[in-house]
């Protein structure tokens, strides 16, 4: 039973790290889009 609990904890940890990485990437894309909408001629590379 302890092994299953450790496996579930590991899967949850991997899922949290994956969602955090994807969220950071999506946030960067929305920031770039927001910059382009606010000032189309600006260089929005970060």
PDB file of N, CA and C in Angstrom:
ATOM      1  N   UNK A   1       0.819  -1.188   0.000  1.00  0.00           N
ATOM      2  CA  UNK A   1       0.000   0.000   0.000  1.00  0.00           C
ATOM      3  C   UNK A   1       0.870   1.261   0.000  1.00  0.00           C
ATOM      4  N   UNK A   2       1.976   1.217   0.714  1.00  0.00           N
ATOM      5  CA  UNK A   2       2.871   2.374   0.775  1.00  0.00           C
ATOM      6  C   UNK A   2       3.450   2.655  -0.612  1.00  0.00           C
ATOM      7  N   UNK A   3       3.732   1.600  -1.362  1.00  0.00           N
ATOM      8  CA  UNK A   3       4.288   1.770  -2.699  1.00  0.00           C
ATOM      9  C   UNK A   3       3.313   2.512  -3.605  1.00  0.00           C
ATOM     10  N   UNK A   4       2.042   2.185  -3.496  1.00  0.00           N
ATOM     11  CA  UNK A   4       1.038   2.870  -4.306  1.00  0.00           C
ATOM     12  C   UNK A   4       0.930   4.341  -3.919  1.00  0.00           C
ATOM     13  N   UNK A   5       1.019   4.635  -2.648  1.00  0.00           N
ATOM     14  CA  UNK A   5       0.975   6.025  -2.193  1.00  0.00           C
ATOM     15  C   UNK A   5       2.166   6.806  -2.733  1.00  0.00           C
ATOM     16  N   UNK A   6       3.344   6.190  -2.737  1.00  0.00           N
ATOM     17  CA  UNK A   6       4.522   6.851  -3.291  1.00  0.00           C
ATOM     18  C   UNK A   6       4.382   7.063  -4.794  1.00  0.00           C
ATOM     19  N   UNK A   7       3.822   6.089  -5.477  1.00  0.00           N
ATOM     20  CA  UNK A   7       3.609   6.208  -6.919  1.00  0.00           C
ATOM     21  C   UNK A   7       2.622   7.332  -7.227  1.00  0.00           C
ATOM     22  N   UNK A   8       1.551   7.413  -6.487  1.00  0.00           N
ATOM     23  CA  UNK A   8       0.567   8.485  -6.682  1.00  0.00           C
ATOM     24  C   UNK A   8       1.206   9.833  -6.405  1.00  0.00           C
ATOM     25  N   UNK A   9       2.015   9.935  -5.370  1.00  0.00           N
ATOM     26  CA  UNK A   9       2.692  11.194  -5.053  1.00  0.00           C
ATOM     27  C   UNK A   9       3.650  11.598  -6.173  1.00  0.00           C
ATOM     28  N   UNK A  10       4.366  10.639  -6.732  1.00  0.00           N
ATOM     29  CA  UNK A  10       5.291  10.924  -7.819  1.00  0.00           C
ATOM     30  C   UNK A  10       4.547  11.386  -9.063  1.00  0.00           C
ATOM     31  N   UNK A  11       3.462  10.731  -9.402  1.00  0.00           N
ATOM     32  CA  UNK A  11       2.660  11.131 -10.564  1.00  0.00           C
ATOM     33  C   UNK A  11       2.099  12.534 -10.353  1.00  0.00           C
ATOM     34  N   UNK A  12       1.626  12.830  -9.155  1.00  0.00           N
ATOM     35  CA  UNK A  12       1.098  14.159  -8.867  1.00  0.00           C
ATOM     36  C   UNK A  12       2.198  15.215  -8.987  1.00  0.00           C
ATOM     37  N   UNK A  13       3.373  14.915  -8.512  1.00  0.00           N
ATOM     38  CA  UNK A  13       4.489  15.857  -8.600  1.00  0.00           C
ATOM     39  C   UNK A  13       4.854  16.140 -10.049  1.00  0.00           C
ATOM     40  N   UNK A  14       4.925  15.109 -10.866  1.00  0.00           N
ATOM     41  CA  UNK A  14       5.237  15.291 -12.288  1.00  0.00           C
ATOM     42  C   UNK A  14       4.149  16.113 -12.966  1.00  0.00           C
ATOM     43  N   UNK A  15       2.904  15.862 -12.630  1.00  0.00           N
ATOM     44  CA  UNK A  15       1.799  16.622 -13.221  1.00  0.00           C
ATOM     45  C   UNK A  15       1.878  18.093 -12.823  1.00  0.00           C
ATOM     46  N   UNK A  16       2.185  18.373 -11.583  1.00  0.00           N
ATOM     47  CA  UNK A  16       2.283  19.763 -11.124  1.00  0.00           C
ATOM     48  C   UNK A  16       3.422  20.481 -11.821  1.00  0.00           C
ATOM     49  N   UNK A  17       4.557  19.839 -11.943  1.00  0.00           N
ATOM     50  CA  UNK A  17       5.704  20.454 -12.624  1.00  0.00           C
ATOM     51  C   UNK A  17       5.368  20.701 -14.093  1.00  0.00           C
ATOM     52  N   UNK A  18       4.716  19.758 -14.737  1.00  0.00           N
ATOM     53  CA  UNK A  18       4.333  19.922 -16.137  1.00  0.00           C
ATOM     54  C   UNK A  18       3.362  21.064 -16.338  1.00  0.00           C
ATOM     55  N   UNK A  19       2.364  21.153 -15.499  1.00  0.00           N
ATOM     56  CA  UNK A  19       1.383  22.238 -15.613  1.00  0.00           C
ATOM     57  C   UNK A  19       2.049  23.587 -15.349  1.00  0.00           C
ATOM     58  N   UNK A  20       2.955  23.646 -14.408  1.00  0.00           N
ATOM     59  CA  UNK A  20       3.661  24.895 -14.119  1.00  0.00           C
ATOM     60  C   UNK A  20       4.499  25.332 -15.316  1.00  0.00           C
ATOM     61  N   UNK A  21       5.178  24.393 -15.956  1.00  0.00           N
ATOM     62  CA  UNK A  21       6.004  24.727 -17.121  1.00  0.00           C
ATOM     63  C   UNK A  21       5.138  25.218 -18.273  1.00  0.00           C
ATOM     64  N   UNK A  22       4.038  24.548 -18.533  1.00  0.00           N
ATOM     65  CA  UNK A  22       3.139  24.954 -19.610  1.00  0.00           C
ATOM     66  C   UNK A  22       2.528  26.310 -19.280  1.00  0.00           C
ATOM     67  N   UNK A  23       2.154  26.530 -18.033  1.00  0.00           N
ATOM     68  CA  UNK A  23       1.571  27.805 -17.631  1.00  0.00           C
ATOM     69  C   UNK A  23       2.524  28.965 -17.829  1.00  0.00           C
ATOM     70  N   UNK A  24       3.785  28.756 -17.520  1.00  0.00           N
ATOM     71  CA  UNK A  24       4.786  29.804 -17.717  1.00  0.00           C
ATOM     72  C   UNK A  24       4.930  30.131 -19.191  1.00  0.00           C
ATOM     73  N   UNK A  25       4.942  29.123 -20.028  1.00  0.00           N
ATOM     74  CA  UNK A  25       5.070  29.325 -21.468  1.00  0.00           C
ATOM     75  C   UNK A  25       3.848  30.053 -22.032  1.00  0.00           C
ATOM     76  N   UNK A  26       2.667  29.665 -21.614  1.00  0.00           N
ATOM     77  CA  UNK A  26       1.438  30.311 -22.075  1.00  0.00           C
ATOM     78  C   UNK A  26       1.409  31.761 -21.612  1.00  0.00           C
ATOM     79  N   UNK A  27       1.840  32.021 -20.387  1.00  0.00           N
ATOM     80  CA  UNK A  27       1.877  33.382 -19.872  1.00  0.00           C
ATOM     81  C   UNK A  27       2.808  34.253 -20.714  1.00  0.00           C
ATOM     82  N   UNK A  28       3.945  33.723 -21.111  1.00  0.00           N
ATOM     83  CA  UNK A  28       4.876  34.476 -21.942  1.00  0.00           C
ATOM     84  C   UNK A  28       4.253  34.799 -23.296  1.00  0.00           C
ATOM     85  N   UNK A  29       3.521  33.870 -23.870  1.00  0.00           N
ATOM     86  CA  UNK A  29       2.876  34.119 -25.157  1.00  0.00           C
ATOM     87  C   UNK A  29       1.803  35.201 -25.036  1.00  0.00           C
ATOM     88  N   UNK A  30       0.999  35.150 -23.983  1.00  0.00           N
ATOM     89  CA  UNK A  30      -0.029  36.175 -23.790  1.00  0.00           C
ATOM     90  C   UNK A  30       0.595  37.542 -23.538  1.00  0.00           C
ATOM     91  N   UNK A  31       1.722  37.582 -22.852  1.00  0.00           N
ATOM     92  CA  UNK A  31       2.415  38.851 -22.625  1.00  0.00           C
ATOM     93  C   UNK A  31       2.896  39.436 -23.945  1.00  0.00           C
ATOM     94  N   UNK A  32       3.426  38.583 -24.810  1.00  0.00           N
ATOM     95  CA  UNK A  32       3.893  39.039 -26.122  1.00  0.00           C
ATOM     96  C   UNK A  32       2.721  39.554 -26.964  1.00  0.00           C
ATOM     97  N   UNK A  33       1.597  38.854 -26.942  1.00  0.00           N
ATOM     98  CA  UNK A  33       0.411  39.279 -27.683  1.00  0.00           C
ATOM     99  C   UNK A  33      -0.085  40.613 -27.151  1.00  0.00           C
ATOM    100  N   UNK A  34      -0.119  40.761 -25.832  1.00  0.00           N
ATOM    101  CA  UNK A  34      -0.558  42.009 -25.216  1.00  0.00           C
ATOM    102  C   UNK A  34       0.339  43.173 -25.623  1.00  0.00           C
ATOM    103  N   UNK A  35       1.637  42.934 -25.677  1.00  0.00           N
ATOM    104  CA  UNK A  35       2.579  43.965 -26.091  1.00  0.00           C
ATOM    105  C   UNK A  35       2.310  44.387 -27.528  1.00  0.00           C
ATOM    106  N   UNK A  36       2.089  43.424 -28.414  1.00  0.00           N
ATOM    107  CA  UNK A  36       1.835  43.725 -29.823  1.00  0.00           C
ATOM    108  C   UNK A  36       0.522  44.478 -30.012  1.00  0.00           C
ATOM    109  N   UNK A  37      -0.476  44.163 -29.219  1.00  0.00           N
ATOM    110  CA  UNK A  37      -1.750  44.877 -29.323  1.00  0.00           C
ATOM    111  C   UNK A  37      -1.570  46.314 -28.847  1.00  0.00           C
ATOM    112  N   UNK A  38      -0.845  46.507 -27.776  1.00  0.00           N
ATOM    113  CA  UNK A  38      -0.653  47.845 -27.214  1.00  0.00           C
ATOM    114  C   UNK A  38       0.213  48.714 -28.125  1.00  0.00           C
ATOM    115  N   UNK A  39       1.223  48.135 -28.742  1.00  0.00           N
ATOM    116  CA  UNK A  39       2.134  48.895 -29.596  1.00  0.00           C
ATOM    117  C   UNK A  39       2.605  48.000 -30.744  1.00  0.00           C
ATOM    118  N   UNK A  40       1.892  48.007 -31.866  1.00  0.00           N
ATOM    119  CA  UNK A  40       2.213  47.087 -32.968  1.00  0.00           C
ATOM    120  C   UNK A  40       3.629  47.233 -33.532  1.00  0.00           C
ATOM    121  N   UNK A  41       4.199  48.418 -33.452  1.00  0.00           N
ATOM    122  CA  UNK A  41       5.526  48.612 -34.055  1.00  0.00           C
ATOM    123  C   UNK A  41       6.660  48.308 -33.073  1.00  0.00           C
ATOM    124  N   UNK A  42       6.332  48.038 -31.832  1.00  0.00           N
ATOM    125  CA  UNK A  42       7.366  47.783 -30.826  1.00  0.00           C
ATOM    126  C   UNK A  42       7.945  46.378 -30.972  1.00  0.00           C
ATOM    127  N   UNK A  43       9.192  46.241 -30.536  1.00  0.00           N
ATOM    128  CA  UNK A  43       9.813  44.929 -30.478  1.00  0.00           C
ATOM    129  C   UNK A  43       9.429  44.299 -29.145  1.00  0.00           C
ATOM    130  N   UNK A  44       8.664  43.229 -29.196  1.00  0.00           N
ATOM    131  CA  UNK A  44       8.139  42.615 -27.978  1.00  0.00           C
ATOM    132  C   UNK A  44       8.884  41.363 -27.581  1.00  0.00           C
ATOM    133  N   UNK A  45      10.087  41.173 -28.084  1.00  0.00           N
ATOM    134  CA  UNK A  45      10.881  40.012 -27.710  1.00  0.00           C
ATOM    135  C   UNK A  45      11.451  40.241 -26.323  1.00  0.00           C
ATOM    136  N   UNK A  46      11.343  39.220 -25.483  1.00  0.00           N
ATOM    137  CA  UNK A  46      11.803  39.364 -24.100  1.00  0.00           C
ATOM    138  C   UNK A  46      12.936  38.451 -23.815  1.00  0.00           C
TER     139      UNK A  46
END
